[in-house]
Amino acid sequence: MQSGNIDEGLATVEEAFAVVSTGGEQFCFPEIHCIKRELLLARPAEDSDAAEVAFDEALSVSRALQAKSKELRTSVSLARHWRDQSKHDE
């Protein structure tokens, strides 16, 4: 992301999802979703909806795994994202 290779980062994230899905450690899912979200947020504004989907996925996975710290971190990031998008009602 820091080098500006967002598409390459997203491709790597998809590879990580594939590895974890085929027998990897399930607790990695929330973190992978967080990385995906950050990459999507680094893209132009039209990817904001895709980033919100990644937030939702990260929250769902964190809840399913009972990973409270990941859930809290994602919730705070989502609140900041909504603040930055002027979505104060959410």
PDB file of N, CA and C in Angstrom:
ATOM      1  N   MET A   1       0.838  -1.177   0.000  1.00  0.00           N
ATOM      2  CA  MET A   1       0.000   0.000   0.000  1.00  0.00           C
ATOM      3  C   MET A   1       0.887   1.245   0.000  1.00  0.00           C
ATOM      4  N   GLN A   2       1.933   1.243   0.803  1.00  0.00           N
ATOM      5  CA  GLN A   2       2.806   2.406   0.882  1.00  0.00           C
ATOM      6  C   GLN A   2       3.524   2.675  -0.434  1.00  0.00           C
ATOM      7  N   SER A   3       3.753   1.642  -1.218  1.00  0.00           N
ATOM      8  CA  SER A   3       4.426   1.828  -2.503  1.00  0.00           C
ATOM      9  C   SER A   3       3.448   2.158  -3.622  1.00  0.00           C
ATOM     10  N   GLY A   4       2.149   2.168  -3.293  1.00  0.00           N
ATOM     11  CA  GLY A   4       1.147   2.513  -4.294  1.00  0.00           C
ATOM     12  C   GLY A   4       0.659   1.351  -5.127  1.00  0.00           C
ATOM     13  N   ASN A   5       1.065   0.142  -4.804  1.00  0.00           N
ATOM     14  CA  ASN A   5       0.656  -1.045  -5.557  1.00  0.00           C
ATOM     15  C   ASN A   5      -0.603  -1.656  -4.949  1.00  0.00           C
ATOM     16  N   ILE A   6      -1.693  -0.911  -5.004  1.00  0.00           N
ATOM     17  CA  ILE A   6      -2.945  -1.338  -4.375  1.00  0.00           C
ATOM     18  C   ILE A   6      -3.479  -2.613  -5.013  1.00  0.00           C
ATOM     19  N   ASP A   7      -3.478  -2.665  -6.343  1.00  0.00           N
ATOM     20  CA  ASP A   7      -4.007  -3.859  -7.017  1.00  0.00           C
ATOM     21  C   ASP A   7      -3.187  -5.102  -6.687  1.00  0.00           C
ATOM     22  N   GLU A   8      -1.879  -4.944  -6.613  1.00  0.00           N
ATOM     23  CA  GLU A   8      -1.017  -6.071  -6.248  1.00  0.00           C
ATOM     24  C   GLU A   8      -1.304  -6.513  -4.808  1.00  0.00           C
ATOM     25  N   GLY A   9      -1.524  -5.547  -3.941  1.00  0.00           N
ATOM     26  CA  GLY A   9      -1.870  -5.860  -2.550  1.00  0.00           C
ATOM     27  C   GLY A   9      -3.178  -6.608  -2.456  1.00  0.00           C
ATOM     28  N   LEU A  10      -4.171  -6.165  -3.227  1.00  0.00           N
ATOM     29  CA  LEU A  10      -5.469  -6.850  -3.219  1.00  0.00           C
ATOM     30  C   LEU A  10      -5.352  -8.272  -3.759  1.00  0.00           C
ATOM     31  N   ALA A  11      -4.511  -8.469  -4.766  1.00  0.00           N
ATOM     32  CA  ALA A  11      -4.291  -9.819  -5.300  1.00  0.00           C
ATOM     33  C   ALA A  11      -3.648 -10.712  -4.233  1.00  0.00           C
ATOM     34  N   THR A  12      -2.719 -10.153  -3.482  1.00  0.00           N
ATOM     35  CA  THR A  12      -2.073 -10.906  -2.408  1.00  0.00           C
ATOM     36  C   THR A  12      -3.066 -11.255  -1.313  1.00  0.00           C
ATOM     37  N   VAL A  13      -3.968 -10.332  -1.016  1.00  0.00           N
ATOM     38  CA  VAL A  13      -5.017 -10.587  -0.021  1.00  0.00           C
ATOM     39  C   VAL A  13      -5.896 -11.749  -0.475  1.00  0.00           C
ATOM     40  N   GLU A  14      -6.259 -11.762  -1.738  1.00  0.00           N
ATOM     41  CA  GLU A  14      -7.086 -12.866  -2.248  1.00  0.00           C
ATOM     42  C   GLU A  14      -6.346 -14.192  -2.139  1.00  0.00           C
ATOM     43  N   GLU A  15      -5.026 -14.187  -2.381  1.00  0.00           N
ATOM     44  CA  GLU A  15      -4.233 -15.401  -2.196  1.00  0.00           C
ATOM     45  C   GLU A  15      -4.248 -15.839  -0.738  1.00  0.00           C
ATOM     46  N   ALA A  16      -4.153 -14.884   0.168  1.00  0.00           N
ATOM     47  CA  ALA A  16      -4.188 -15.201   1.599  1.00  0.00           C
ATOM     48  C   ALA A  16      -5.524 -15.821   1.984  1.00  0.00           C
ATOM     49  N   PHE A  17      -6.612 -15.270   1.439  1.00  0.00           N
ATOM     50  CA  PHE A  17      -7.934 -15.854   1.707  1.00  0.00           C
ATOM     51  C   PHE A  17      -7.973 -17.307   1.238  1.00  0.00           C
ATOM     52  N   ALA A  18      -7.406 -17.574   0.064  1.00  0.00           N
ATOM     53  CA  ALA A  18      -7.410 -18.931  -0.480  1.00  0.00           C
ATOM     54  C   ALA A  18      -6.619 -19.886   0.419  1.00  0.00           C
ATOM     55  N   VAL A  19      -5.471 -19.438   0.899  1.00  0.00           N
ATOM     56  CA  VAL A  19      -4.642 -20.283   1.761  1.00  0.00           C
ATOM     57  C   VAL A  19      -5.371 -20.585   3.069  1.00  0.00           C
ATOM     58  N   VAL A  20      -5.944 -19.566   3.685  1.00  0.00           N
ATOM     59  CA  VAL A  20      -6.628 -19.757   4.966  1.00  0.00           C
ATOM     60  C   VAL A  20      -7.876 -20.610   4.779  1.00  0.00           C
ATOM     61  N   SER A  21      -8.559 -20.448   3.654  1.00  0.00           N
ATOM     62  CA  SER A  21      -9.784 -21.216   3.389  1.00  0.00           C
ATOM     63  C   SER A  21      -9.511 -22.700   3.208  1.00  0.00           C
ATOM     64  N   THR A  22      -8.303 -23.044   2.778  1.00  0.00           N
ATOM     65  CA  THR A  22      -7.977 -24.447   2.522  1.00  0.00           C
ATOM     66  C   THR A  22      -7.174 -25.056   3.656  1.00  0.00           C
ATOM     67  N   GLY A  23      -7.518 -24.686   4.874  1.00  0.00           N
ATOM     68  CA  GLY A  23      -6.907 -25.345   6.017  1.00  0.00           C
ATOM     69  C   GLY A  23      -5.994 -24.475   6.844  1.00  0.00           C
ATOM     70  N   GLY A  24      -5.935 -23.202   6.523  1.00  0.00           N
ATOM     71  CA  GLY A  24      -5.110 -22.306   7.321  1.00  0.00           C
ATOM     72  C   GLY A  24      -5.779 -21.957   8.631  1.00  0.00           C
ATOM     73  N   GLU A  25      -5.139 -21.141   9.390  1.00  0.00           N
ATOM     74  CA  GLU A  25      -5.647 -20.729  10.692  1.00  0.00           C
ATOM     75  C   GLU A  25      -6.804 -19.753  10.524  1.00  0.00           C
ATOM     76  N   GLN A  26      -7.960 -20.122  11.011  1.00  0.00           N
ATOM     77  CA  GLN A  26      -9.160 -19.308  10.864  1.00  0.00           C
ATOM     78  C   GLN A  26      -9.046 -17.947  11.549  1.00  0.00           C
ATOM     79  N   PHE A  27      -8.244 -17.860  12.608  1.00  0.00           N
ATOM     80  CA  PHE A  27      -8.142 -16.595  13.327  1.00  0.00           C
ATOM     81  C   PHE A  27      -7.492 -15.503  12.472  1.00  0.00           C
ATOM     82  N   CYS A  28      -6.893 -15.877  11.344  1.00  0.00           N
ATOM     83  CA  CYS A  28      -6.276 -14.888  10.442  1.00  0.00           C
ATOM     84  C   CYS A  28      -7.315 -14.144   9.601  1.00  0.00           C
ATOM     85  N   PHE A  29      -8.501 -14.721   9.442  1.00  0.00           N
ATOM     86  CA  PHE A  29      -9.524 -14.101   8.590  1.00  0.00           C
ATOM     87  C   PHE A  29      -9.818 -12.647   8.942  1.00  0.00           C
ATOM     88  N   PRO A  30     -10.059 -12.302  10.201  1.00  0.00           N
ATOM     89  CA  PRO A  30     -10.360 -10.897  10.500  1.00  0.00           C
ATOM     90  C   PRO A  30      -9.230  -9.958  10.092  1.00  0.00           C
ATOM     91  N   GLU A  31      -7.987 -10.372  10.324  1.00  0.00           N
ATOM     92  CA  GLU A  31      -6.856  -9.512   9.976  1.00  0.00           C
ATOM     93  C   GLU A  31      -6.732  -9.350   8.462  1.00  0.00           C
ATOM     94  N   ILE A  32      -6.986 -10.414   7.730  1.00  0.00           N
ATOM     95  CA  ILE A  32      -6.932 -10.322   6.268  1.00  0.00           C
ATOM     96  C   ILE A  32      -8.013  -9.371   5.773  1.00  0.00           C
ATOM     97  N   HIS A  33      -9.196  -9.447   6.366  1.00  0.00           N
ATOM     98  CA  HIS A  33     -10.266  -8.516   5.990  1.00  0.00           C
ATOM     99  C   HIS A  33      -9.868  -7.077   6.307  1.00  0.00           C
ATOM    100  N   CYS A  34      -9.184  -6.872   7.427  1.00  0.00           N
ATOM    101  CA  CYS A  34      -8.735  -5.528   7.784  1.00  0.00           C
ATOM    102  C   CYS A  34      -7.732  -4.993   6.771  1.00  0.00           C
ATOM    103  N   ILE A  35      -6.828  -5.831   6.345  1.00  0.00           N
ATOM    104  CA  ILE A  35      -5.845  -5.419   5.336  1.00  0.00           C
ATOM    105  C   ILE A  35      -6.553  -5.091   4.025  1.00  0.00           C
ATOM    106  N   LYS A  36      -7.508  -5.931   3.643  1.00  0.00           N
ATOM    107  CA  LYS A  36      -8.277  -5.675   2.419  1.00  0.00           C
ATOM    108  C   LYS A  36      -8.992  -4.333   2.512  1.00  0.00           C
ATOM    109  N   ARG A  37      -9.603  -4.098   3.656  1.00  0.00           N
ATOM    110  CA  ARG A  37     -10.319  -2.840   3.873  1.00  0.00           C
ATOM    111  C   ARG A  37      -9.385  -1.643   3.712  1.00  0.00           C
ATOM    112  N   GLU A  38      -8.211  -1.711   4.309  1.00  0.00           N
ATOM    113  CA  GLU A  38      -7.265  -0.598   4.222  1.00  0.00           C
ATOM    114  C   GLU A  38      -6.818  -0.369   2.785  1.00  0.00           C
ATOM    115  N   LEU A  39      -6.612  -1.444   2.050  1.00  0.00           N
ATOM    116  CA  LEU A  39      -6.245  -1.312   0.639  1.00  0.00           C
ATOM    117  C   LEU A  39      -7.373  -0.666  -0.162  1.00  0.00           C
ATOM    118  N   LEU A  40      -8.597  -1.096   0.097  1.00  0.00           N
ATOM    119  CA  LEU A  40      -9.739  -0.515  -0.617  1.00  0.00           C
ATOM    120  C   LEU A  40      -9.915   0.959  -0.272  1.00  0.00           C
ATOM    121  N   LEU A  41      -9.662   1.317   0.966  1.00  0.00           N
ATOM    122  CA  LEU A  41      -9.789   2.723   1.363  1.00  0.00           C
ATOM    123  C   LEU A  41      -8.695   3.588   0.748  1.00  0.00           C
ATOM    124  N   ALA A  42      -7.597   2.971   0.362  1.00  0.00           N
ATOM    125  CA  ALA A  42      -6.506   3.718  -0.272  1.00  0.00           C
ATOM    126  C   ALA A  42      -6.802   4.005  -1.746  1.00  0.00           C
ATOM    127  N   ARG A  43      -7.821   3.393  -2.272  1.00  0.00           N
ATOM    128  CA  ARG A  43      -8.232   3.625  -3.665  1.00  0.00           C
ATOM    129  C   ARG A  43      -9.137   4.842  -3.731  1.00  0.00           C
ATOM    130  N   PRO A  44      -9.510   5.239  -4.942  1.00  0.00           N
ATOM    131  CA  PRO A  44     -10.409   6.389  -5.087  1.00  0.00           C
ATOM    132  C   PRO A  44     -11.743   6.187  -4.363  1.00  0.00           C
ATOM    133  N   ALA A  45     -12.481   7.260  -4.198  1.00  0.00           N
ATOM    134  CA  ALA A  45     -13.721   7.274  -3.403  1.00  0.00           C
ATOM    135  C   ALA A  45     -14.760   6.253  -3.859  1.00  0.00           C
ATOM    136  N   GLU A  46     -14.765   5.893  -5.122  1.00  0.00           N
ATOM    137  CA  GLU A  46     -15.802   4.969  -5.579  1.00  0.00           C
ATOM    138  C   GLU A  46     -15.678   3.591  -4.946  1.00  0.00           C
ATOM    139  N   ASP A  47     -14.555   3.289  -4.304  1.00  0.00           N
ATOM    140  CA  ASP A  47     -14.377   2.004  -3.649  1.00  0.00           C
ATOM    141  C   ASP A  47     -14.832   2.023  -2.189  1.00  0.00           C
ATOM    142  N   SER A  48     -15.445   3.123  -1.771  1.00  0.00           N
ATOM    143  CA  SER A  48     -15.906   3.236  -0.397  1.00  0.00           C
ATOM    144  C   SER A  48     -16.920   2.143  -0.061  1.00  0.00           C
ATOM    145  N   ASP A  49     -17.810   1.833  -0.995  1.00  0.00           N
ATOM    146  CA  ASP A  49     -18.805   0.779  -0.758  1.00  0.00           C
ATOM    147  C   ASP A  49     -18.130  -0.580  -0.582  1.00  0.00           C
ATOM    148  N   ALA A  50     -17.125  -0.858  -1.392  1.00  0.00           N
ATOM    149  CA  ALA A  50     -16.402  -2.126  -1.268  1.00  0.00           C
ATOM    150  C   ALA A  50     -15.684  -2.194   0.070  1.00  0.00           C
ATOM    151  N   ALA A  51     -15.168  -1.065   0.534  1.00  0.00           N
ATOM    152  CA  ALA A  51     -14.503  -1.037   1.841  1.00  0.00           C
ATOM    153  C   ALA A  51     -15.504  -1.316   2.953  1.00  0.00           C
ATOM    154  N   GLU A  52     -16.711  -0.767   2.832  1.00  0.00           N
ATOM    155  CA  GLU A  52     -17.726  -1.025   3.856  1.00  0.00           C
ATOM    156  C   GLU A  52     -18.123  -2.490   3.882  1.00  0.00           C
ATOM    157  N   VAL A  53     -18.143  -3.141   2.731  1.00  0.00           N
ATOM    158  CA  VAL A  53     -18.406  -4.587   2.681  1.00  0.00           C
ATOM    159  C   VAL A  53     -17.292  -5.326   3.426  1.00  0.00           C
ATOM    160  N   ALA A  54     -16.047  -4.885   3.232  1.00  0.00           N
ATOM    161  CA  ALA A  54     -14.922  -5.519   3.926  1.00  0.00           C
ATOM    162  C   ALA A  54     -15.035  -5.307   5.441  1.00  0.00           C
ATOM    163  N   PHE A  55     -15.505  -4.113   5.858  1.00  0.00           N
ATOM    164  CA  PHE A  55     -15.751  -3.878   7.287  1.00  0.00           C
ATOM    165  C   PHE A  55     -16.768  -4.890   7.809  1.00  0.00           C
ATOM    166  N   ASP A  56     -17.877  -5.038   7.088  1.00  0.00           N
ATOM    167  CA  ASP A  56     -18.936  -5.959   7.517  1.00  0.00           C
ATOM    168  C   ASP A  56     -18.430  -7.395   7.605  1.00  0.00           C
ATOM    169  N   GLU A  57     -17.625  -7.799   6.612  1.00  0.00           N
ATOM    170  CA  GLU A  57     -17.084  -9.160   6.615  1.00  0.00           C
ATOM    171  C   GLU A  57     -16.145  -9.365   7.805  1.00  0.00           C
ATOM    172  N   ALA A  58     -15.302  -8.367   8.063  1.00  0.00           N
ATOM    173  CA  ALA A  58     -14.373  -8.475   9.187  1.00  0.00           C
ATOM    174  C   ALA A  58     -15.126  -8.560  10.514  1.00  0.00           C
ATOM    175  N   LEU A  59     -16.188  -7.779  10.649  1.00  0.00           N
ATOM    176  CA  LEU A  59     -16.998  -7.834  11.875  1.00  0.00           C
ATOM    177  C   LEU A  59     -17.662  -9.194  12.033  1.00  0.00           C
ATOM    178  N   SER A  60     -18.243  -9.702  10.951  1.00  0.00           N
ATOM    179  CA  SER A  60     -18.918 -11.005  11.003  1.00  0.00           C
ATOM    180  C   SER A  60     -17.958 -12.127  11.385  1.00  0.00           C
ATOM    181  N   VAL A  61     -16.798 -12.134  10.763  1.00  0.00           N
ATOM    182  CA  VAL A  61     -15.819 -13.176  11.045  1.00  0.00           C
ATOM    183  C   VAL A  61     -15.306 -13.048  12.475  1.00  0.00           C
ATOM    184  N   SER A  62     -15.042 -11.818  12.911  1.00  0.00           N
ATOM    185  CA  SER A  62     -14.557 -11.606  14.279  1.00  0.00           C
ATOM    186  C   SER A  62     -15.571 -12.094  15.298  1.00  0.00           C
ATOM    187  N   ARG A  63     -16.839 -11.809  15.038  1.00  0.00           N
ATOM    188  CA  ARG A  63     -17.897 -12.261  15.954  1.00  0.00           C
ATOM    189  C   ARG A  63     -17.994 -13.779  15.963  1.00  0.00           C
ATOM    190  N   ALA A  64     -17.925 -14.386  14.785  1.00  0.00           N
ATOM    191  CA  ALA A  64     -18.028 -15.842  14.697  1.00  0.00           C
ATOM    192  C   ALA A  64     -16.875 -16.522  15.428  1.00  0.00           C
ATOM    193  N   LEU A  65     -15.697 -15.912  15.374  1.00  0.00           N
ATOM    194  CA  LEU A  65     -14.523 -16.489  16.039  1.00  0.00           C
ATOM    195  C   LEU A  65     -14.386 -16.022  17.483  1.00  0.00           C
ATOM    196  N   GLN A  66     -15.312 -15.169  17.908  1.00  0.00           N
ATOM    197  CA  GLN A  66     -15.278 -14.577  19.244  1.00  0.00           C
ATOM    198  C   GLN A  66     -13.951 -13.870  19.503  1.00  0.00           C
ATOM    199  N   ALA A  67     -13.473 -13.183  18.469  1.00  0.00           N
ATOM    200  CA  ALA A  67     -12.226 -12.418  18.551  1.00  0.00           C
ATOM    201  C   ALA A  67     -12.582 -10.977  18.906  1.00  0.00           C
ATOM    202  N   LYS A  68     -12.786 -10.747  20.187  1.00  0.00           N
ATOM    203  CA  LYS A  68     -13.300  -9.456  20.664  1.00  0.00           C
ATOM    204  C   LYS A  68     -12.366  -8.293  20.318  1.00  0.00           C
ATOM    205  N   SER A  69     -11.065  -8.477  20.418  1.00  0.00           N
ATOM    206  CA  SER A  69     -10.155  -7.365  20.130  1.00  0.00           C
ATOM    207  C   SER A  69     -10.207  -6.987  18.653  1.00  0.00           C
ATOM    208  N   LYS A  70     -10.318  -7.976  17.779  1.00  0.00           N
ATOM    209  CA  LYS A  70     -10.444  -7.698  16.339  1.00  0.00           C
ATOM    210  C   LYS A  70     -11.779  -7.026  16.049  1.00  0.00           C
ATOM    211  N   GLU A  71     -12.828  -7.477  16.716  1.00  0.00           N
ATOM    212  CA  GLU A  71     -14.146  -6.880  16.525  1.00  0.00           C
ATOM    213  C   GLU A  71     -14.134  -5.415  16.967  1.00  0.00           C
ATOM    214  N   LEU A  72     -13.527  -5.145  18.102  1.00  0.00           N
ATOM    215  CA  LEU A  72     -13.453  -3.775  18.594  1.00  0.00           C
ATOM    216  C   LEU A  72     -12.638  -2.896  17.657  1.00  0.00           C
ATOM    217  N   ARG A  73     -11.505  -3.392  17.228  1.00  0.00           N
ATOM    218  CA  ARG A  73     -10.653  -2.622  16.303  1.00  0.00           C
ATOM    219  C   ARG A  73     -11.382  -2.308  15.008  1.00  0.00           C
ATOM    220  N   THR A  74     -12.085  -3.282  14.478  1.00  0.00           N
ATOM    221  CA  THR A  74     -12.836  -3.075  13.245  1.00  0.00           C
ATOM    222  C   THR A  74     -13.976  -2.089  13.456  1.00  0.00           C
ATOM    223  N   SER A  75     -14.657  -2.199  14.579  1.00  0.00           N
ATOM    224  CA  SER A  75     -15.766  -1.282  14.874  1.00  0.00           C
ATOM    225  C   SER A  75     -15.280   0.162  14.973  1.00  0.00           C
ATOM    226  N   VAL A  76     -14.154   0.359  15.622  1.00  0.00           N
ATOM    227  CA  VAL A  76     -13.589   1.707  15.738  1.00  0.00           C
ATOM    228  C   VAL A  76     -13.171   2.226  14.362  1.00  0.00           C
ATOM    229  N   SER A  77     -12.568   1.380  13.558  1.00  0.00           N
ATOM    230  CA  SER A  77     -12.171   1.787  12.203  1.00  0.00           C
ATOM    231  C   SER A  77     -13.391   2.137  11.358  1.00  0.00           C
ATOM    232  N   LEU A  78     -14.451   1.361  11.503  1.00  0.00           N
ATOM    233  CA  LEU A  78     -15.681   1.638  10.762  1.00  0.00           C
ATOM    234  C   LEU A  78     -16.274   2.976  11.197  1.00  0.00           C
ATOM    235  N   ALA A  79     -16.278   3.236  12.490  1.00  0.00           N
ATOM    236  CA  ALA A  79     -16.796   4.518  12.987  1.00  0.00           C
ATOM    237  C   ALA A  79     -15.977   5.681  12.438  1.00  0.00           C
ATOM    238  N   ARG A  80     -14.670   5.531  12.382  1.00  0.00           N
ATOM    239  CA  ARG A  80     -13.815   6.585  11.805  1.00  0.00           C
ATOM    240  C   ARG A  80     -14.098   6.774  10.324  1.00  0.00           C
ATOM    241  N   HIS A  81     -14.287   5.658   9.634  1.00  0.00           N
ATOM    242  CA  HIS A  81     -14.600   5.733   8.203  1.00  0.00           C
ATOM    243  C   HIS A  81     -15.904   6.489   7.988  1.00  0.00           C
ATOM    244  N   TRP A  82     -16.936   6.155   8.763  1.00  0.00           N
ATOM    245  CA  TRP A  82     -18.216   6.860   8.642  1.00  0.00           C
ATOM    246  C   TRP A  82     -18.054   8.336   8.973  1.00  0.00           C
ATOM    247  N   ARG A  83     -17.248   8.638   9.991  1.00  0.00           N
ATOM    248  CA  ARG A  83     -16.992  10.042  10.335  1.00  0.00           C
ATOM    249  C   ARG A  83     -16.360  10.769   9.147  1.00  0.00           C
ATOM    250  N   ASP A  84     -15.359  10.141   8.528  1.00  0.00           N
ATOM    251  CA  ASP A  84     -14.670  10.747   7.391  1.00  0.00           C
ATOM    252  C   ASP A  84     -15.586  10.902   6.182  1.00  0.00           C
ATOM    253  N   GLN A  85     -16.606  10.039   6.095  1.00  0.00           N
ATOM    254  CA  GLN A  85     -17.568  10.085   4.993  1.00  0.00           C
ATOM    255  C   GLN A  85     -18.775  10.950   5.331  1.00  0.00           C
ATOM    256  N   SER A  86     -18.739  11.610   6.485  1.00  0.00           N
ATOM    257  CA  SER A  86     -19.850  12.439   6.984  1.00  0.00           C
ATOM    258  C   SER A  86     -21.133  11.642   7.158  1.00  0.00           C
ATOM    259  N   LYS A  87     -21.001  10.386   7.545  1.00  0.00           N
ATOM    260  CA  LYS A  87     -22.147   9.531   7.817  1.00  0.00           C
ATOM    261  C   LYS A  87     -22.351   9.467   9.322  1.00  0.00           C
ATOM    262  N   HIS A  88     -22.656  10.606   9.906  1.00  0.00           N
ATOM    263  CA  HIS A  88     -22.735  10.719  11.358  1.00  0.00           C
ATOM    264  C   HIS A  88     -23.909   9.952  11.950  1.00  0.00           C
ATOM    265  N   ASP A  89     -24.979   9.781  11.212  1.00  0.00           N
ATOM    266  CA  ASP A  89     -26.133   9.043  11.734  1.00  0.00           C
ATOM    267  C   ASP A  89     -25.799   7.571  11.953  1.00  0.00           C
ATOM    268  N   GLU A  90     -24.991   6.998  11.073  1.00  0.00           N
ATOM    269  CA  GLU A  90     -24.607   5.591  11.225  1.00  0.00           C
ATOM    270  C   GLU A  90     -23.826   5.416  12.504  1.00  0.00           C
TER     271      GLU A  90
END
